[in-house]
Amino acid sequence: MRSPEFNEDSAIESIMLVFWKKGYVLTSIKDLVDASGVNSRSMYKLLGNKEALFERALDHYALTVGRETSAILQPANGVAAIEAFLKQFSFEDNYPGSFMVNAAVQEDFISAAALEKVAHYFKNIESLFYQCLKVSQDRGEINATLNIKNYATLLLCNVQGMSVIGKMRKRNSDAKAIIKSLIHTIKI
């Protein structure tokens, strides 16, 4: 039985954090029960099975982090928006990386629906990069011959790679050096 103060959004947030930290494979039902605050029988009834919970956690991440990303990557701000987005990266102790990257590297273990959610999230970020680059190119702020479609893909790859490197290196100076190089290449 769930407690009267049960909050489904809070439970999904807590479940997302467990999946983010441990990954899909290493997360047990007990981990999810402990995180959500509901017993296993209620969990299945209220929230779903492990696969469904993982998909809901991906949706939650896409909604919350996606909203933050969209707020920063405002196309009208052009390259300045990309710079602001990149400058938020900080490789410090306990840097979790990206939940979406963590999910993507587990593609052999997650459902096709979960993998599609990851792909959709990445496509949205790539689209925002493209829109920002297009505005700056139209304004003459960046090279008119730059293939902005390809560059948006390059930025996406670099950002996702930063999420992996950040988990391994833990040095903020690395993040700053990568960001400086990326910003420099945009402006060439």
N, C-alpha and C. Protein backbone atom coordinates (compact mmCIF):
# COMPACT_ATOMS: atom_id res chain seq x y z
N MET A 1 0.83 -1.19 0.00
CA MET A 1 0.00 0.00 0.00
C MET A 1 0.87 1.24 0.00
N ARG A 2 0.49 2.20 -0.82
CA ARG A 2 1.28 3.42 -0.89
C ARG A 2 0.89 4.38 0.22
N SER A 3 1.83 5.22 0.57
CA SER A 3 1.56 6.19 1.62
C SER A 3 0.72 7.33 1.04
N PRO A 4 -0.04 8.04 1.91
CA PRO A 4 -0.90 9.11 1.41
C PRO A 4 -0.10 10.24 0.75
N GLU A 5 1.16 10.38 1.13
CA GLU A 5 1.97 11.46 0.58
C GLU A 5 2.75 11.03 -0.68
N PHE A 6 2.41 9.87 -1.23
CA PHE A 6 3.08 9.38 -2.43
C PHE A 6 2.94 10.40 -3.56
N ASN A 7 4.07 10.71 -4.17
CA ASN A 7 4.09 11.64 -5.29
C ASN A 7 4.74 10.92 -6.47
N GLU A 8 3.95 10.69 -7.50
CA GLU A 8 4.44 9.92 -8.64
C GLU A 8 5.62 10.59 -9.33
N ASP A 9 5.58 11.91 -9.50
CA ASP A 9 6.69 12.63 -10.15
C ASP A 9 7.98 12.50 -9.35
N SER A 10 7.85 12.60 -8.03
CA SER A 10 9.04 12.44 -7.18
C SER A 10 9.58 11.02 -7.26
N ALA A 11 8.67 10.05 -7.31
CA ALA A 11 9.09 8.65 -7.43
C ALA A 11 9.83 8.43 -8.75
N ILE A 12 9.31 8.96 -9.84
CA ILE A 12 9.96 8.80 -11.14
C ILE A 12 11.31 9.52 -11.15
N GLU A 13 11.39 10.67 -10.55
CA GLU A 13 12.67 11.40 -10.44
C GLU A 13 13.70 10.54 -9.69
N SER A 14 13.29 9.96 -8.58
CA SER A 14 14.19 9.11 -7.79
C SER A 14 14.60 7.86 -8.56
N ILE A 15 13.66 7.28 -9.27
CA ILE A 15 13.94 6.09 -10.08
C ILE A 15 14.91 6.46 -11.21
N MET A 16 14.70 7.63 -11.83
CA MET A 16 15.60 8.08 -12.89
C MET A 16 17.03 8.19 -12.36
N LEU A 17 17.18 8.75 -11.18
CA LEU A 17 18.52 8.92 -10.60
C LEU A 17 19.21 7.58 -10.36
N VAL A 18 18.45 6.57 -9.98
CA VAL A 18 19.02 5.23 -9.78
C VAL A 18 19.48 4.66 -11.12
N PHE A 19 18.61 4.72 -12.13
CA PHE A 19 18.99 4.23 -13.46
C PHE A 19 20.20 5.00 -14.00
N TRP A 20 20.22 6.30 -13.77
CA TRP A 20 21.30 7.16 -14.25
C TRP A 20 22.63 6.73 -13.63
N LYS A 21 22.59 6.47 -12.35
CA LYS A 21 23.83 6.10 -11.64
C LYS A 21 24.26 4.67 -11.93
N LYS A 22 23.33 3.72 -11.91
CA LYS A 22 23.68 2.31 -12.00
C LYS A 22 23.53 1.72 -13.39
N GLY A 23 22.75 2.37 -14.25
CA GLY A 23 22.47 1.81 -15.57
C GLY A 23 21.30 0.85 -15.49
N TYR A 24 20.79 0.49 -16.65
CA TYR A 24 19.62 -0.38 -16.71
C TYR A 24 19.93 -1.77 -16.17
N VAL A 25 21.02 -2.34 -16.61
CA VAL A 25 21.34 -3.73 -16.27
C VAL A 25 21.60 -3.90 -14.78
N LEU A 26 22.35 -3.00 -14.18
CA LEU A 26 22.73 -3.16 -12.78
C LEU A 26 21.67 -2.69 -11.78
N THR A 27 20.62 -2.07 -12.28
CA THR A 27 19.56 -1.62 -11.39
C THR A 27 18.60 -2.77 -11.12
N SER A 28 18.39 -3.05 -9.85
CA SER A 28 17.48 -4.13 -9.46
C SER A 28 16.10 -3.56 -9.12
N ILE A 29 15.12 -4.43 -9.08
CA ILE A 29 13.78 -4.02 -8.65
C ILE A 29 13.84 -3.49 -7.23
N LYS A 30 14.67 -4.11 -6.39
CA LYS A 30 14.82 -3.63 -5.01
C LYS A 30 15.33 -2.18 -5.00
N ASP A 31 16.30 -1.88 -5.87
CA ASP A 31 16.80 -0.50 -5.96
C ASP A 31 15.66 0.46 -6.29
N LEU A 32 14.80 0.04 -7.22
CA LEU A 32 13.70 0.90 -7.65
C LEU A 32 12.64 1.04 -6.57
N VAL A 33 12.38 -0.05 -5.88
CA VAL A 33 11.43 -0.01 -4.76
C VAL A 33 11.96 0.94 -3.68
N ASP A 34 13.24 0.78 -3.33
CA ASP A 34 13.83 1.65 -2.31
C ASP A 34 13.78 3.12 -2.73
N ALA A 35 14.07 3.39 -4.00
CA ALA A 35 14.09 4.76 -4.49
C ALA A 35 12.70 5.39 -4.55
N SER A 36 11.72 4.59 -4.95
CA SER A 36 10.37 5.12 -5.16
C SER A 36 9.56 5.26 -3.87
N GLY A 37 9.90 4.45 -2.89
CA GLY A 37 9.14 4.50 -1.64
C GLY A 37 7.86 3.69 -1.66
N VAL A 38 7.67 2.88 -2.68
CA VAL A 38 6.49 2.00 -2.72
C VAL A 38 6.96 0.56 -2.74
N ASN A 39 6.10 -0.35 -2.27
CA ASN A 39 6.50 -1.75 -2.28
C ASN A 39 6.42 -2.30 -3.70
N SER A 40 7.02 -3.47 -3.91
CA SER A 40 7.14 -3.99 -5.27
C SER A 40 5.77 -4.26 -5.92
N ARG A 41 4.82 -4.76 -5.17
CA ARG A 41 3.50 -5.03 -5.74
C ARG A 41 2.84 -3.72 -6.19
N SER A 42 2.91 -2.72 -5.34
CA SER A 42 2.33 -1.42 -5.69
C SER A 42 3.09 -0.78 -6.85
N MET A 43 4.40 -1.00 -6.88
CA MET A 43 5.19 -0.41 -7.95
C MET A 43 4.70 -0.90 -9.31
N TYR A 44 4.54 -2.19 -9.44
CA TYR A 44 4.08 -2.73 -10.73
C TYR A 44 2.70 -2.17 -11.09
N LYS A 45 1.83 -2.07 -10.10
CA LYS A 45 0.48 -1.58 -10.35
C LYS A 45 0.47 -0.09 -10.67
N LEU A 46 1.22 0.69 -9.90
CA LEU A 46 1.20 2.15 -10.04
C LEU A 46 2.15 2.67 -11.11
N LEU A 47 3.31 2.07 -11.22
CA LEU A 47 4.36 2.65 -12.05
C LEU A 47 4.80 1.77 -13.21
N GLY A 48 4.62 0.46 -13.10
CA GLY A 48 4.99 -0.43 -14.20
C GLY A 48 6.19 -1.31 -13.85
N ASN A 49 6.58 -2.14 -14.81
CA ASN A 49 7.72 -3.02 -14.62
C ASN A 49 9.03 -2.26 -14.86
N LYS A 50 10.14 -2.94 -14.73
CA LYS A 50 11.45 -2.29 -14.86
C LYS A 50 11.61 -1.61 -16.22
N GLU A 51 11.23 -2.27 -17.28
CA GLU A 51 11.35 -1.68 -18.62
C GLU A 51 10.50 -0.43 -18.75
N ALA A 52 9.27 -0.49 -18.26
CA ALA A 52 8.38 0.67 -18.31
C ALA A 52 8.92 1.81 -17.45
N LEU A 53 9.48 1.47 -16.30
CA LEU A 53 10.06 2.50 -15.43
C LEU A 53 11.26 3.17 -16.09
N PHE A 54 12.07 2.37 -16.79
CA PHE A 54 13.22 2.93 -17.48
C PHE A 54 12.75 3.91 -18.56
N GLU A 55 11.74 3.52 -19.30
CA GLU A 55 11.21 4.39 -20.35
C GLU A 55 10.61 5.67 -19.75
N ARG A 56 9.94 5.53 -18.62
CA ARG A 56 9.39 6.71 -17.94
C ARG A 56 10.51 7.61 -17.41
N ALA A 57 11.59 6.99 -16.94
CA ALA A 57 12.74 7.77 -16.48
C ALA A 57 13.36 8.55 -17.64
N LEU A 58 13.46 7.92 -18.81
CA LEU A 58 13.97 8.61 -20.00
C LEU A 58 13.06 9.78 -20.37
N ASP A 59 11.75 9.55 -20.32
CA ASP A 59 10.79 10.63 -20.60
C ASP A 59 10.96 11.78 -19.61
N HIS A 60 11.13 11.43 -18.36
CA HIS A 60 11.30 12.45 -17.32
C HIS A 60 12.57 13.28 -17.57
N TYR A 61 13.65 12.60 -17.90
CA TYR A 61 14.91 13.29 -18.20
C TYR A 61 14.73 14.20 -19.41
N ALA A 62 14.12 13.66 -20.47
CA ALA A 62 13.92 14.46 -21.68
C ALA A 62 13.08 15.70 -21.39
N LEU A 63 12.09 15.54 -20.53
CA LEU A 63 11.23 16.68 -20.19
C LEU A 63 11.98 17.70 -19.34
N THR A 64 12.62 17.26 -18.29
CA THR A 64 13.26 18.20 -17.36
C THR A 64 14.56 18.77 -17.92
N VAL A 65 15.47 17.90 -18.31
CA VAL A 65 16.75 18.38 -18.85
C VAL A 65 16.53 18.99 -20.23
N GLY A 66 15.61 18.42 -20.98
CA GLY A 66 15.28 18.97 -22.29
C GLY A 66 14.74 20.39 -22.20
N ARG A 67 13.93 20.65 -21.18
CA ARG A 67 13.39 22.00 -20.96
C ARG A 67 14.55 22.97 -20.65
N GLU A 68 15.47 22.54 -19.81
CA GLU A 68 16.63 23.38 -19.48
C GLU A 68 17.48 23.64 -20.72
N THR A 69 17.70 22.60 -21.52
CA THR A 69 18.49 22.72 -22.73
C THR A 69 17.83 23.68 -23.71
N SER A 70 16.54 23.55 -23.90
CA SER A 70 15.80 24.44 -24.81
C SER A 70 15.84 25.88 -24.32
N ALA A 71 15.82 26.07 -23.02
CA ALA A 71 15.88 27.42 -22.47
C ALA A 71 17.22 28.09 -22.77
N ILE A 72 18.28 27.30 -22.80
CA ILE A 72 19.62 27.83 -23.09
C ILE A 72 19.83 27.96 -24.60
N LEU A 73 19.47 26.93 -25.35
CA LEU A 73 19.73 26.92 -26.79
C LEU A 73 18.60 27.62 -27.56
N GLN A 74 18.42 28.89 -27.26
CA GLN A 74 17.42 29.69 -27.97
C GLN A 74 17.98 30.07 -29.33
N PRO A 75 17.37 29.62 -30.42
CA PRO A 75 17.90 29.90 -31.75
C PRO A 75 18.17 31.38 -32.02
N ALA A 76 17.33 32.27 -31.51
CA ALA A 76 17.51 33.70 -31.74
C ALA A 76 18.85 34.22 -31.22
N ASN A 77 19.44 33.50 -30.28
CA ASN A 77 20.73 33.91 -29.72
C ASN A 77 21.92 33.36 -30.49
N GLY A 78 21.66 32.54 -31.50
CA GLY A 78 22.71 32.05 -32.37
C GLY A 78 23.83 31.32 -31.63
N VAL A 79 25.06 31.59 -32.07
CA VAL A 79 26.23 30.93 -31.51
C VAL A 79 26.40 31.24 -30.03
N ALA A 80 25.96 32.41 -29.60
CA ALA A 80 26.06 32.75 -28.18
C ALA A 80 25.29 31.74 -27.33
N ALA A 81 24.18 31.22 -27.84
CA ALA A 81 23.42 30.20 -27.12
C ALA A 81 24.21 28.89 -27.02
N ILE A 82 24.89 28.54 -28.10
CA ILE A 82 25.72 27.32 -28.08
C ILE A 82 26.86 27.48 -27.07
N GLU A 83 27.48 28.66 -27.06
CA GLU A 83 28.55 28.92 -26.09
C GLU A 83 28.03 28.79 -24.66
N ALA A 84 26.87 29.37 -24.39
CA ALA A 84 26.28 29.29 -23.05
C ALA A 84 25.98 27.84 -22.68
N PHE A 85 25.48 27.08 -23.64
CA PHE A 85 25.18 25.67 -23.39
C PHE A 85 26.46 24.91 -23.07
N LEU A 86 27.50 25.11 -23.86
CA LEU A 86 28.76 24.39 -23.64
C LEU A 86 29.40 24.77 -22.31
N LYS A 87 29.30 26.02 -21.94
CA LYS A 87 29.96 26.49 -20.71
C LYS A 87 29.33 25.94 -19.44
N GLN A 88 28.18 25.31 -19.54
CA GLN A 88 27.57 24.72 -18.34
C GLN A 88 28.24 23.41 -17.95
N PHE A 89 29.04 22.83 -18.86
CA PHE A 89 29.70 21.56 -18.55
C PHE A 89 30.81 21.78 -17.54
N SER A 90 30.84 20.92 -16.55
CA SER A 90 31.84 21.00 -15.50
C SER A 90 32.16 19.58 -15.06
N PHE A 91 33.41 19.17 -15.23
CA PHE A 91 33.81 17.81 -14.86
C PHE A 91 34.34 17.83 -13.43
N GLU A 92 33.50 17.50 -12.52
CA GLU A 92 33.89 17.49 -11.12
C GLU A 92 33.59 16.13 -10.53
N ASP A 93 33.99 15.92 -9.29
CA ASP A 93 33.70 14.65 -8.63
C ASP A 93 32.21 14.36 -8.71
N ASN A 94 31.90 13.11 -8.90
CA ASN A 94 30.52 12.64 -9.00
C ASN A 94 29.78 13.16 -10.23
N TYR A 95 30.52 13.60 -11.25
CA TYR A 95 29.88 14.03 -12.50
C TYR A 95 29.17 12.82 -13.09
N PRO A 96 27.85 12.90 -13.27
CA PRO A 96 27.11 11.71 -13.70
C PRO A 96 27.11 11.47 -15.20
N GLY A 97 27.63 12.41 -15.98
CA GLY A 97 27.51 12.28 -17.42
C GLY A 97 26.07 12.54 -17.83
N SER A 98 25.71 12.07 -18.99
CA SER A 98 24.36 12.24 -19.51
C SER A 98 23.59 10.92 -19.34
N PHE A 99 22.41 11.00 -18.78
CA PHE A 99 21.57 9.81 -18.65
C PHE A 99 21.30 9.21 -20.02
N MET A 100 21.10 10.07 -21.02
CA MET A 100 20.82 9.56 -22.37
C MET A 100 22.03 8.85 -22.96
N VAL A 101 23.22 9.36 -22.74
CA VAL A 101 24.43 8.68 -23.22
C VAL A 101 24.58 7.36 -22.48
N ASN A 102 24.39 7.39 -21.18
CA ASN A 102 24.49 6.16 -20.39
C ASN A 102 23.50 5.11 -20.91
N ALA A 103 22.30 5.56 -21.28
CA ALA A 103 21.30 4.63 -21.82
C ALA A 103 21.72 4.13 -23.20
N ALA A 104 22.22 5.01 -24.04
CA ALA A 104 22.59 4.63 -25.41
C ALA A 104 23.65 3.54 -25.45
N VAL A 105 24.60 3.60 -24.53
CA VAL A 105 25.67 2.59 -24.55
C VAL A 105 25.18 1.23 -24.06
N GLN A 106 23.95 1.18 -23.57
CA GLN A 106 23.35 -0.08 -23.13
C GLN A 106 22.34 -0.59 -24.16
N GLU A 107 22.50 -0.19 -25.41
CA GLU A 107 21.48 -0.48 -26.42
C GLU A 107 21.15 -1.96 -26.56
N ASP A 108 22.08 -2.84 -26.26
CA ASP A 108 21.80 -4.27 -26.36
C ASP A 108 20.88 -4.77 -25.24
N PHE A 109 20.66 -3.95 -24.23
CA PHE A 109 19.90 -4.39 -23.06
C PHE A 109 18.59 -3.64 -22.86
N ILE A 110 18.39 -2.56 -23.59
CA ILE A 110 17.17 -1.78 -23.40
C ILE A 110 16.22 -2.01 -24.57
N SER A 111 14.98 -1.67 -24.37
CA SER A 111 13.96 -1.90 -25.39
C SER A 111 14.15 -0.97 -26.59
N ALA A 112 13.55 -1.36 -27.69
CA ALA A 112 13.58 -0.52 -28.89
C ALA A 112 12.89 0.81 -28.61
N ALA A 113 11.83 0.78 -27.81
CA ALA A 113 11.13 2.02 -27.46
C ALA A 113 12.03 2.95 -26.65
N ALA A 114 12.80 2.40 -25.74
CA ALA A 114 13.73 3.21 -24.94
C ALA A 114 14.81 3.79 -25.84
N LEU A 115 15.33 2.98 -26.73
CA LEU A 115 16.37 3.45 -27.65
C LEU A 115 15.84 4.55 -28.57
N GLU A 116 14.60 4.44 -28.97
CA GLU A 116 13.97 5.48 -29.80
C GLU A 116 13.85 6.79 -29.02
N LYS A 117 13.57 6.71 -27.74
CA LYS A 117 13.49 7.91 -26.90
C LYS A 117 14.85 8.60 -26.83
N VAL A 118 15.90 7.82 -26.72
CA VAL A 118 17.26 8.36 -26.68
C VAL A 118 17.57 9.05 -28.02
N ALA A 119 17.28 8.36 -29.12
CA ALA A 119 17.54 8.92 -30.45
C ALA A 119 16.77 10.22 -30.66
N HIS A 120 15.53 10.25 -30.21
CA HIS A 120 14.70 11.45 -30.35
C HIS A 120 15.29 12.62 -29.54
N TYR A 121 15.75 12.33 -28.35
CA TYR A 121 16.37 13.37 -27.51
C TYR A 121 17.60 13.96 -28.20
N PHE A 122 18.46 13.08 -28.72
CA PHE A 122 19.66 13.55 -29.41
C PHE A 122 19.29 14.37 -30.65
N LYS A 123 18.27 13.94 -31.38
CA LYS A 123 17.84 14.65 -32.59
C LYS A 123 17.35 16.05 -32.23
N ASN A 124 16.66 16.18 -31.11
CA ASN A 124 16.19 17.50 -30.67
C ASN A 124 17.35 18.43 -30.38
N ILE A 125 18.38 17.93 -29.70
CA ILE A 125 19.54 18.77 -29.41
C ILE A 125 20.24 19.16 -30.70
N GLU A 126 20.42 18.21 -31.59
CA GLU A 126 21.05 18.48 -32.88
C GLU A 126 20.27 19.56 -33.65
N SER A 127 18.95 19.48 -33.61
CA SER A 127 18.10 20.46 -34.28
C SER A 127 18.28 21.85 -33.67
N LEU A 128 18.37 21.93 -32.36
CA LEU A 128 18.60 23.22 -31.71
C LEU A 128 19.96 23.79 -32.09
N PHE A 129 20.99 22.94 -32.14
CA PHE A 129 22.30 23.40 -32.60
C PHE A 129 22.20 23.96 -34.02
N TYR A 130 21.52 23.22 -34.89
CA TYR A 130 21.37 23.65 -36.28
C TYR A 130 20.68 25.01 -36.35
N GLN A 131 19.59 25.17 -35.62
CA GLN A 131 18.84 26.43 -35.66
C GLN A 131 19.70 27.60 -35.17
N CYS A 132 20.48 27.37 -34.12
CA CYS A 132 21.36 28.43 -33.61
C CYS A 132 22.43 28.78 -34.64
N LEU A 133 23.01 27.76 -35.25
CA LEU A 133 24.03 28.00 -36.28
C LEU A 133 23.44 28.73 -37.48
N LYS A 134 22.24 28.36 -37.87
CA LYS A 134 21.58 29.00 -39.02
C LYS A 134 21.38 30.48 -38.77
N VAL A 135 20.91 30.83 -37.59
CA VAL A 135 20.70 32.24 -37.25
C VAL A 135 22.02 32.98 -37.34
N SER A 136 23.08 32.42 -36.76
CA SER A 136 24.38 33.09 -36.78
C SER A 136 24.94 33.18 -38.20
N GLN A 137 24.73 32.15 -38.99
CA GLN A 137 25.21 32.18 -40.37
C GLN A 137 24.44 33.24 -41.18
N ASP A 138 23.14 33.30 -40.98
CA ASP A 138 22.33 34.31 -41.68
C ASP A 138 22.72 35.73 -41.29
N ARG A 139 23.17 35.91 -40.07
CA ARG A 139 23.60 37.23 -39.58
C ARG A 139 25.04 37.56 -40.00
N GLY A 140 25.74 36.59 -40.56
CA GLY A 140 27.13 36.81 -40.95
C GLY A 140 28.11 36.67 -39.79
N GLU A 141 27.68 36.05 -38.70
CA GLU A 141 28.53 35.90 -37.52
C GLU A 141 29.50 34.72 -37.63
N ILE A 142 29.16 33.77 -38.50
CA ILE A 142 30.04 32.63 -38.74
C ILE A 142 30.21 32.45 -40.24
N ASN A 143 31.18 31.66 -40.61
CA ASN A 143 31.53 31.44 -42.01
C ASN A 143 30.32 31.01 -42.83
N ALA A 144 30.10 31.69 -43.92
CA ALA A 144 28.96 31.41 -44.79
C ALA A 144 29.07 30.06 -45.49
N THR A 145 30.28 29.52 -45.58
CA THR A 145 30.46 28.24 -46.27
C THR A 145 30.42 27.05 -45.32
N LEU A 146 30.32 27.33 -44.02
CA LEU A 146 30.25 26.24 -43.05
C LEU A 146 28.99 25.41 -43.29
N ASN A 147 29.16 24.08 -43.42
CA ASN A 147 28.01 23.19 -43.58
C ASN A 147 27.40 23.03 -42.18
N ILE A 148 26.39 23.82 -41.90
CA ILE A 148 25.85 23.86 -40.54
C ILE A 148 25.10 22.59 -40.16
N LYS A 149 24.58 21.89 -41.13
CA LYS A 149 23.93 20.61 -40.82
C LYS A 149 24.97 19.63 -40.27
N ASN A 150 26.09 19.52 -40.97
CA ASN A 150 27.16 18.63 -40.50
C ASN A 150 27.76 19.14 -39.20
N TYR A 151 27.88 20.45 -39.06
CA TYR A 151 28.47 20.99 -37.84
C TYR A 151 27.57 20.77 -36.63
N ALA A 152 26.27 20.83 -36.84
CA ALA A 152 25.34 20.54 -35.74
C ALA A 152 25.52 19.10 -35.27
N THR A 153 25.73 18.19 -36.23
CA THR A 153 25.99 16.78 -35.87
C THR A 153 27.31 16.66 -35.13
N LEU A 154 28.33 17.37 -35.60
CA LEU A 154 29.63 17.36 -34.93
C LEU A 154 29.52 17.87 -33.49
N LEU A 155 28.77 18.94 -33.29
CA LEU A 155 28.57 19.47 -31.94
C LEU A 155 27.87 18.44 -31.05
N LEU A 156 26.84 17.80 -31.59
CA LEU A 156 26.14 16.77 -30.82
C LEU A 156 27.11 15.66 -30.40
N CYS A 157 27.92 15.19 -31.34
CA CYS A 157 28.89 14.12 -31.03
C CYS A 157 29.88 14.58 -29.95
N ASN A 158 30.34 15.81 -30.07
CA ASN A 158 31.29 16.32 -29.08
C ASN A 158 30.66 16.47 -27.70
N VAL A 159 29.46 16.96 -27.66
CA VAL A 159 28.78 17.13 -26.37
C VAL A 159 28.56 15.78 -25.70
N GLN A 160 28.11 14.79 -26.48
CA GLN A 160 27.89 13.47 -25.89
C GLN A 160 29.22 12.83 -25.48
N GLY A 161 30.26 13.06 -26.27
CA GLY A 161 31.59 12.58 -25.90
C GLY A 161 32.10 13.23 -24.62
N MET A 162 31.77 14.52 -24.45
CA MET A 162 32.16 15.21 -23.22
C MET A 162 31.52 14.56 -22.00
N SER A 163 30.31 14.06 -22.18
CA SER A 163 29.63 13.39 -21.07
C SER A 163 30.37 12.14 -20.64
N VAL A 164 30.97 11.45 -21.60
CA VAL A 164 31.74 10.24 -21.29
C VAL A 164 33.08 10.62 -20.68
N ILE A 165 33.79 11.53 -21.31
CA ILE A 165 35.10 11.95 -20.81
C ILE A 165 35.00 12.54 -19.41
N GLY A 166 33.94 13.30 -19.17
CA GLY A 166 33.75 13.91 -17.85
C GLY A 166 33.62 12.89 -16.74
N LYS A 167 33.02 11.75 -17.04
CA LYS A 167 32.89 10.70 -16.03
C LYS A 167 34.24 10.07 -15.72
N MET A 168 35.14 10.09 -16.68
CA MET A 168 36.43 9.42 -16.51
C MET A 168 37.51 10.34 -15.95
N ARG A 169 37.56 11.57 -16.40
CA ARG A 169 38.69 12.45 -16.08
C ARG A 169 38.51 13.27 -14.81
N LYS A 170 37.34 13.76 -14.60
CA LYS A 170 37.02 14.52 -13.39
C LYS A 170 37.83 15.81 -13.21
N ARG A 171 38.36 16.35 -14.30
CA ARG A 171 39.11 17.60 -14.19
C ARG A 171 38.37 18.69 -14.95
N ASN A 172 38.00 19.73 -14.23
CA ASN A 172 37.28 20.83 -14.85
C ASN A 172 38.12 21.52 -15.92
N SER A 173 39.43 21.49 -15.77
CA SER A 173 40.30 22.10 -16.78
C SER A 173 40.14 21.40 -18.12
N ASP A 174 39.86 20.10 -18.12
CA ASP A 174 39.60 19.37 -19.37
C ASP A 174 38.34 19.88 -20.04
N ALA A 175 37.29 20.08 -19.25
CA ALA A 175 36.03 20.59 -19.81
C ALA A 175 36.25 21.96 -20.44
N LYS A 176 36.96 22.83 -19.74
CA LYS A 176 37.20 24.18 -20.24
C LYS A 176 38.01 24.16 -21.54
N ALA A 177 39.00 23.28 -21.62
CA ALA A 177 39.82 23.18 -22.83
C ALA A 177 39.00 22.68 -24.02
N ILE A 178 38.17 21.68 -23.80
CA ILE A 178 37.32 21.15 -24.86
C ILE A 178 36.34 22.23 -25.34
N ILE A 179 35.72 22.90 -24.41
CA ILE A 179 34.74 23.94 -24.74
C ILE A 179 35.40 25.07 -25.51
N LYS A 180 36.57 25.49 -25.07
CA LYS A 180 37.30 26.57 -25.76
C LYS A 180 37.60 26.18 -27.21
N SER A 181 38.02 24.95 -27.41
CA SER A 181 38.32 24.47 -28.77
C SER A 181 37.07 24.42 -29.64
N LEU A 182 35.98 23.93 -29.08
CA LEU A 182 34.73 23.85 -29.85
C LEU A 182 34.25 25.25 -30.24
N ILE A 183 34.28 26.16 -29.31
CA ILE A 183 33.84 27.53 -29.59
C ILE A 183 34.74 28.16 -30.65
N HIS A 184 36.02 27.91 -30.55
CA HIS A 184 36.96 28.46 -31.53
C HIS A 184 36.66 27.95 -32.94
N THR A 185 36.36 26.66 -33.05
CA THR A 185 36.11 26.09 -34.39
C THR A 185 34.81 26.63 -34.99
N ILE A 186 33.85 27.01 -34.18
CA ILE A 186 32.62 27.58 -34.70
C ILE A 186 32.90 28.92 -35.37
N LYS A 187 33.79 29.66 -34.76
CA LYS A 187 34.03 31.04 -35.20
C LYS A 187 35.05 31.17 -36.32
N ILE A 188 35.65 30.07 -36.73
CA ILE A 188 36.66 30.15 -37.81
C ILE A 188 35.98 30.45 -39.13
